[in-house]
Structures are given as structure tokens and as C-alpha cells.
């Protein structure tokens, strides 16, 4: 069954079967999961919301924080009364999913897929699995100040970092740049500050549902070793590395990505 998305819609909801809830990354929107809509023809219900402050969804009264976005996710899960859902969190979307699980538990949730993301973005003396550039919390917070002051300059840089090297001037990067540039600089900066302060290592260690960690083999933002750490640390974890893909494997190699998600879902 297809539930049409009118112009200005903030939620994709198509298909029937086990729900797959796709949570997009920071500064983009739900349309970045267009390549996953085909899973609706494979026995899944595909849901992809614009998170508050992104796409067509205004921030409104939602706090510009990971907790605020996680509360919005909780509201969506309650409104749709999903049962046995799998949360598929890409980048910031994974942090939102982990925040929800940490504070609200796993009611209605059967599994979690983390896509090219670390449970702690900022590197630290006891944590080498943050951003691949080695940025610590101080450097990450300073970056937020610079981005807020000159968002048009940073939008293409953010877009290029999403993909494997070699796509610097591709149409895909151009489209991502346009989507990112449309964001509100103050909102994006506030969400980035909240994101880089998050630390969900303990959440992963106590995760109440099975986990699949997906890495992009050529990610410019996180090393594939992060997925290995997630798989080893979660009580019921596994990992897969998607070839020919950077930070956005669902965009760069959708066939392999969709197969991995579908396989994980059917294994539960």
C-alpha cells in the first residue's frame, strides 16, 4: 500500500510488512533515502521522516538537540503504532535512534542499523573512533561557530565529505550541496553542537535489540573500524562494509546496502 506524499510533505510512508524507519543525517532530509523506497516492494513498510529543522519540517517547539529530535522520533513511533520496527540511522540519525533507545527503551523496536556513524563523534584520549580527521570536542565546537558564521561556504564542503573521493564535482554532490545550503545556519550549528557532545558508547554496550553496523569502505568521515567496535560491543551485534561507498553507502551503492538491511531484517 502506498501513502502518497503531497508537496511539502515531511514523511515518506510506503509499503506493508515489517517497518523500516530511515533516519537521515545532519543537514539533509528524507529524500536522501529515495533509493531505499524499493524495499517497499520486498515486503517492508518504508518510513522516512524529515527530522525537525530539516527538509520541509520546521523546528517549531522542538529543541535543537539530539534529545529533541529523539522525542520527535518517539512521537512518530507512537502515532504510527509500529510494532517490530527496525530503526535505520544514518550519521546523525543513528545518534537520534540511540538517544531514543537510551531514554525511552525499545518498545515497538526489533532492531537497529547504524550507518557509517560513531557513538561518539569527538575523539578523546580514550576514544580513537571519532571523526577520521582526529578532531576532539573543542575543535568540533569551534567548527560549529565557523559554520554558523558562513554556512554557504561550508555547505559544499559538507556535501563533498559525504561521498567517496573522486566525486568532488559530480551531480550527486551538487544536489547534496543545494539541499544542505537550504538549512538554517543557527539550527544546524545548534544541532551539530549537540551531536558532537553526545556519547552513546554505554548505550551500545547495553543495547536491548540486535545491531547491524554498516560502514562505507571509502568513508572520509569515519574509519571502517568503527563498525567493528559497534559489532563487538553491542550484546548482539554484527557489521558489514559496503564497497565503493563513502559516508553515504545507501546513496553510493544502494543495491548492496538494501540487501544488507533486508537480510538483517529478515534474520530477526
Protein backbone atom coordinates (compact mmCIF):
# COMPACT_ATOMS: atom_id res chain seq x y z
CA UNK A 1 0.00 0.00 0.00
CA UNK A 2 1.29 3.46 -0.91
CA UNK A 3 0.52 6.52 1.15
CA UNK A 4 1.21 9.42 -1.22
CA UNK A 5 3.48 12.27 -0.17
CA UNK A 6 1.94 15.60 -1.30
CA UNK A 7 4.15 18.63 -1.99
CA UNK A 8 5.65 19.86 1.25
CA UNK A 9 5.19 16.50 2.98
CA UNK A 10 7.52 15.61 5.83
CA UNK A 11 7.07 11.81 5.86
CA UNK A 12 7.52 9.03 3.31
CA UNK A 13 5.38 6.02 4.23
CA UNK A 14 5.01 3.27 1.63
CA UNK A 15 4.57 -0.49 1.55
CA UNK A 16 3.43 -3.04 4.09
CA UNK A 17 5.23 -5.54 6.29
CA UNK A 18 7.98 -5.11 8.85
CA UNK A 19 8.56 -1.35 9.31
CA UNK A 20 11.93 0.10 8.38
CA UNK A 21 12.30 3.63 9.79
CA UNK A 22 15.05 5.53 7.98
CA UNK A 23 16.54 8.46 9.91
CA UNK A 24 18.61 10.84 7.80
CA UNK A 25 21.81 12.61 8.73
CA UNK A 26 22.57 16.13 9.86
CA UNK A 27 21.74 18.97 7.44
CA UNK A 28 19.94 16.84 4.79
CA UNK A 29 16.41 15.32 4.60
CA UNK A 30 14.36 12.19 3.99
CA UNK A 31 14.76 12.36 0.20
CA UNK A 32 18.29 11.03 0.62
CA UNK A 33 16.62 7.65 1.20
CA UNK A 34 14.82 7.60 -2.16
CA UNK A 35 16.98 4.63 -3.14
CA UNK A 36 15.50 2.60 -0.29
CA UNK A 37 11.87 3.03 -1.38
CA UNK A 38 12.26 -0.12 -3.49
CA UNK A 39 12.29 -2.13 -0.26
CA UNK A 40 8.54 -1.47 -0.13
CA UNK A 41 8.24 -3.98 -2.99
CA UNK A 42 10.15 -6.59 -0.98
CA UNK A 43 7.73 -6.98 1.92
CA UNK A 44 8.69 -3.99 4.04
CA UNK A 45 6.94 -0.82 5.14
CA UNK A 46 9.36 2.02 4.44
CA UNK A 47 9.08 5.15 6.55
CA UNK A 48 11.40 8.13 6.29
CA UNK A 49 10.60 11.34 8.18
CA UNK A 50 12.10 14.75 7.76
CA UNK A 51 13.58 15.33 11.19
CA UNK A 52 12.73 18.67 12.85
CA UNK A 53 14.71 21.53 11.34
CA UNK A 54 15.36 19.61 8.13
CA UNK A 55 13.67 19.43 4.75
CA UNK A 56 10.08 20.64 4.88
CA UNK A 57 9.78 20.17 8.64
CA UNK A 58 10.23 23.29 10.74
CA UNK A 59 11.94 23.02 14.09
CA UNK A 60 8.93 24.61 15.79
CA UNK A 61 8.90 23.99 19.53
CA UNK A 62 11.33 21.06 19.22
CA UNK A 63 14.63 21.82 20.97
CA UNK A 64 17.57 21.91 18.56
CA UNK A 65 19.25 18.94 20.21
CA UNK A 66 19.61 15.20 19.81
CA UNK A 67 17.13 14.72 22.66
CA UNK A 68 14.63 16.98 20.92
CA UNK A 69 14.92 15.03 17.67
CA UNK A 70 14.70 11.74 19.56
CA UNK A 71 11.50 12.90 21.23
CA UNK A 72 10.10 13.68 17.78
CA UNK A 73 11.01 10.14 16.72
CA UNK A 74 9.23 8.80 19.79
CA UNK A 75 6.13 10.76 18.83
CA UNK A 76 6.24 9.29 15.31
CA UNK A 77 6.56 5.75 16.63
CA UNK A 78 3.63 6.32 18.98
CA UNK A 79 1.44 7.91 16.30
CA UNK A 80 2.07 5.12 13.80
CA UNK A 81 1.83 2.37 16.45
CA UNK A 82 4.68 0.48 14.82
CA UNK A 83 5.49 -2.99 16.07
CA UNK A 84 8.71 -4.83 15.33
CA UNK A 85 10.24 -1.77 13.66
CA UNK A 86 13.86 -1.54 12.64
CA UNK A 87 15.46 1.87 13.05
CA UNK A 88 18.00 2.65 10.32
CA UNK A 89 20.02 5.64 11.46
CA UNK A 90 22.49 7.20 9.07
CA UNK A 91 25.09 9.52 10.64
CA UNK A 92 23.18 11.88 12.98
CA UNK A 93 20.13 9.66 12.53
CA UNK A 94 21.99 6.92 14.41
CA UNK A 95 22.59 9.26 17.34
CA UNK A 96 18.90 10.15 17.38
CA UNK A 97 17.99 6.45 17.44
CA UNK A 98 20.47 5.73 20.25
CA UNK A 99 19.16 8.65 22.29
CA UNK A 100 15.61 7.32 21.88
CA UNK A 101 16.64 3.82 22.94
CA UNK A 102 18.63 5.13 25.90
CA UNK A 103 15.81 7.25 27.30
CA UNK A 104 12.62 5.57 26.10
CA UNK A 105 13.60 1.94 25.69
CA UNK A 106 12.91 -0.42 22.82
CA UNK A 107 9.10 -0.68 22.89
CA UNK A 108 7.96 -1.50 19.36
CA UNK A 109 11.56 -1.71 18.10
CA UNK A 110 13.09 -5.01 16.98
CA UNK A 111 16.49 -3.91 15.71
CA UNK A 112 18.87 -1.07 14.93
CA UNK A 113 21.04 -0.39 11.88
CA UNK A 114 23.80 2.21 12.35
CA UNK A 115 25.09 3.57 9.04
CA UNK A 116 28.65 4.95 8.99
CA UNK A 117 28.48 6.59 12.38
CA UNK A 118 30.34 6.60 15.67
CA UNK A 119 28.63 6.55 19.08
CA UNK A 120 30.94 9.42 19.99
CA UNK A 121 31.84 11.86 17.22
CA UNK A 122 34.58 13.72 19.10
CA UNK A 123 37.89 11.95 19.59
CA UNK A 124 39.40 11.75 23.07
CA UNK A 125 42.41 10.13 24.79
CA UNK A 126 40.24 7.06 25.46
CA UNK A 127 38.40 7.17 22.15
CA UNK A 128 40.13 6.94 18.73
CA UNK A 129 36.97 6.05 16.79
CA UNK A 130 35.54 9.54 16.28
CA UNK A 131 35.88 11.68 13.18
CA UNK A 132 38.63 10.39 10.91
CA UNK A 133 40.38 13.77 10.97
CA UNK A 134 41.07 13.32 14.68
CA UNK A 135 39.04 16.31 15.87
CA UNK A 136 38.42 16.48 19.60
CA UNK A 137 35.41 18.15 21.22
CA UNK A 138 36.99 21.59 21.28
CA UNK A 139 37.78 21.52 17.58
CA UNK A 140 34.32 20.22 16.71
CA UNK A 141 32.65 23.01 18.69
CA UNK A 142 34.83 25.63 17.04
CA UNK A 143 33.75 24.27 13.67
CA UNK A 144 30.13 24.91 14.63
CA UNK A 145 30.92 28.58 15.23
CA UNK A 146 32.56 28.88 11.81
CA UNK A 147 29.71 27.10 10.06
CA UNK A 148 27.10 29.30 11.67
CA UNK A 149 29.00 32.38 10.55
CA UNK A 150 29.40 31.28 6.92
CA UNK A 151 27.02 28.44 6.08
CA UNK A 152 27.18 28.96 2.27
CA UNK A 153 30.92 28.32 2.40
CA UNK A 154 30.55 25.10 4.39
CA UNK A 155 27.59 23.57 2.52
CA UNK A 156 29.72 22.28 -0.43
CA UNK A 157 32.43 21.05 1.94
CA UNK A 158 29.87 19.05 3.92
CA UNK A 159 28.41 17.64 0.72
CA UNK A 160 31.79 16.52 -0.65
CA UNK A 161 32.63 14.76 2.61
CA UNK A 162 29.50 12.62 2.28
CA UNK A 163 30.88 10.66 -0.66
CA UNK A 164 33.99 8.68 -1.50
CA UNK A 165 36.90 10.56 -3.04
CA UNK A 166 36.57 11.31 -6.72
CA UNK A 167 33.06 12.78 -6.66
CA UNK A 168 34.04 16.36 -5.95
CA UNK A 169 32.16 17.79 -8.94
CA UNK A 170 29.54 15.10 -9.54
CA UNK A 171 25.81 15.88 -9.93
CA UNK A 172 25.23 13.97 -6.70
CA UNK A 173 27.49 16.35 -4.79
CA UNK A 174 25.81 19.34 -6.43
CA UNK A 175 22.36 18.10 -5.36
CA UNK A 176 23.56 17.47 -1.82
CA UNK A 177 25.12 20.93 -1.68
CA UNK A 178 21.82 22.55 -2.64
CA UNK A 179 19.91 20.57 -0.01
CA UNK A 180 22.40 21.42 2.71
CA UNK A 181 22.62 25.10 1.77
CA UNK A 182 18.83 25.41 2.29
CA UNK A 183 19.23 24.72 6.02
CA UNK A 184 19.06 27.33 8.76
CA UNK A 185 22.66 28.03 9.88
CA UNK A 186 21.70 28.66 13.52
CA UNK A 187 19.68 25.45 13.72
CA UNK A 188 22.36 23.38 12.01
CA UNK A 189 25.06 24.78 14.30
CA UNK A 190 22.99 24.08 17.41
CA UNK A 191 22.31 20.52 16.30
CA UNK A 192 26.00 19.99 15.48
CA UNK A 193 27.00 21.15 18.96
CA UNK A 194 24.54 18.70 20.50
CA UNK A 195 25.69 15.92 18.18
CA UNK A 196 29.38 16.25 18.96
CA UNK A 197 28.69 16.34 22.70
CA UNK A 198 26.79 13.03 22.58
CA UNK A 199 28.43 9.88 23.91
CA UNK A 200 26.47 6.66 23.42
CA UNK A 201 29.21 4.12 23.99
CA UNK A 202 27.42 2.85 27.10
CA UNK A 203 24.12 2.78 25.21
CA UNK A 204 25.67 0.48 22.62
CA UNK A 205 27.12 -1.77 25.32
CA UNK A 206 23.63 -2.19 26.81
CA UNK A 207 21.65 -2.18 23.57
CA UNK A 208 18.43 -4.16 24.09
CA UNK A 209 17.97 -5.07 20.40
CA UNK A 210 20.20 -6.62 17.73
CA UNK A 211 22.51 -4.24 15.89
CA UNK A 212 23.88 -4.14 12.36
CA UNK A 213 26.71 -1.64 11.86
CA UNK A 214 27.21 -0.60 8.23
CA UNK A 215 30.45 1.06 7.13
CA UNK A 216 31.35 2.71 3.86
CA UNK A 217 34.67 1.21 2.76
CA UNK A 218 35.87 4.60 1.48
CA UNK A 219 34.26 6.89 4.05
CA UNK A 220 36.03 10.20 4.50
CA UNK A 221 34.39 10.78 7.90
CA UNK A 222 34.71 7.52 9.84
CA UNK A 223 37.05 4.58 9.60
CA UNK A 224 35.59 1.10 8.96
CA UNK A 225 36.97 0.08 12.38
CA UNK A 226 34.09 1.96 13.99
CA UNK A 227 31.62 -0.62 12.66
CA UNK A 228 33.79 -3.36 14.08
CA UNK A 229 33.77 -1.71 17.50
CA UNK A 230 29.99 -1.39 17.39
CA UNK A 231 29.52 -5.03 16.42
CA UNK A 232 31.88 -6.26 19.13
CA UNK A 233 30.48 -4.01 21.86
CA UNK A 234 26.74 -4.50 21.33
CA UNK A 235 25.31 -7.59 23.08
CA UNK A 236 24.01 -8.85 19.72
CA UNK A 237 26.00 -7.09 17.03
CA UNK A 238 27.22 -7.66 13.51
CA UNK A 239 28.81 -5.49 10.85
CA UNK A 240 29.14 -5.16 7.11
CA UNK A 241 31.33 -2.95 4.95
CA UNK A 242 29.85 -1.64 1.70
CA UNK A 243 32.36 -1.48 -1.15
CA UNK A 244 32.59 1.51 -3.48
CA UNK A 245 30.93 3.75 -0.92
CA UNK A 246 31.85 6.59 1.41
CA UNK A 247 29.80 8.08 4.22
CA UNK A 248 26.53 7.54 2.30
CA UNK A 249 26.51 3.87 1.25
CA UNK A 250 22.74 3.91 0.76
CA UNK A 251 23.27 6.52 -1.98
CA UNK A 252 26.54 5.26 -3.45
CA UNK A 253 25.84 1.52 -3.53
CA UNK A 254 22.10 1.16 -2.86
CA UNK A 255 21.83 -2.43 -4.10
CA UNK A 256 24.40 -3.73 -1.60
CA UNK A 257 23.06 -1.50 1.14
CA UNK A 258 19.45 -2.54 0.64
CA UNK A 259 20.43 -6.19 0.56
CA UNK A 260 22.27 -5.82 3.86
CA UNK A 261 19.32 -4.10 5.56
CA UNK A 262 16.79 -6.57 4.16
CA UNK A 263 18.93 -9.53 5.21
CA UNK A 264 19.27 -8.16 8.73
CA UNK A 265 15.54 -7.50 8.97
CA UNK A 266 14.64 -11.00 7.80
CA UNK A 267 17.09 -12.54 10.28
CA UNK A 268 15.17 -11.19 13.28
